[in-house]
Structures are given as structure tokens and as C-alpha cells.
Amino acid sequence: MKAFESAHREFARGHFSEARHKFRALLDKYANVSEVAARARTYLAVAEARLRSDLALPRDADSLYDRGVIELNRGEYVAAQELFERALRREPEAAHIHYGLAATRARLGAIDTALESLRRALDLQPKLRIRAQRDQDLNSLRSDPEFDLLVFAGRE
């Protein structure tokens, strides 16, 4: 049971390579225990699929951003956040990527980090304020006074 918990912990942390290794070891050791083997096979298959999809991810910031927007629109907010964060590692001064990350974090309910991302996006490209004023992805931020200061600053 401890071996399964250890493998599952790696899986939950997103350490799919290590999880794959541990689930394979479980299968080797407990192949005759049907309940353990069935669960290990399931998690192993998911870990391997995630590793394959990570290899298939685009490498350039714009393609990662595009994939992030697709995931955001599909409601896959955690995946979108990961893609936007990867894109920012490649292009840290891209306002549109910071904005996408803000929208995703807002959808996830991470208000403080969403506001930080939005602030960075608006610092880099102030014209995004117009978009932010009506963007439904940012609805969870609207009750925060900082949102008004960021988005409606300079309005007369």
C-alpha cells in the first residue's frame, strides 16, 4: 500500500516520469494482486499519455499561448495555466500571455495571482484595459477594488 501511495503522490505532483517508474515496479511486484495491478495499470497509462503529450507540446511561446487559449476556452483551466506559464518562460515580456494567465487564474479563483498577472499585462500593454473591462473570464475579479484601479485607471 505504501508503494502505491508513493507512486500516486508522484503522479499527483505531476512527476509523471517518476510515477511511471513506480507504477511499473508495482506491476512487476504485484501483478497477481488484481486490485493493485488494475489501479497501477490505469495510472501508468495516464502517466505515459501525459509524458507523450508533453513531448508533443509546441516549443515556441506563440504556439504555447495558442494552445493555452484553446484549453481556457474548453474550460481546462489547469492545463491552460500550465501552457501560459510555459509560454512566459520563453517570452516573459509578452503582454498577451500575461493576460491569458490572468484570465485563467481568475477562472480558477486565484484572485491575488490573477490580479498580479493582469497588472503585468497592463503594464506591458495598457490598451488591454479596454478588453479587460468586458472580459467575462475576469468576472471573479470585479468585486476586488484593485481590479477597478487597474482596469479603469485614467478613465474620466
Foldseek 3Di string as FASTA:
>chain_A
DVLLVVLVVCVVVVVLVVSLVSLVVQCVVPVVVVVSVVVSVVSNVVSVVVVVVVVVQDQELVSLQVVLVVCVVVVVLVSSLVSLVSSCVRPVLALVSLQSNLLSCQQVVVQVSSLVSNLSSCVSPVVCLVVLVPDPSNVSNVVPVSNCCNNVPPPD
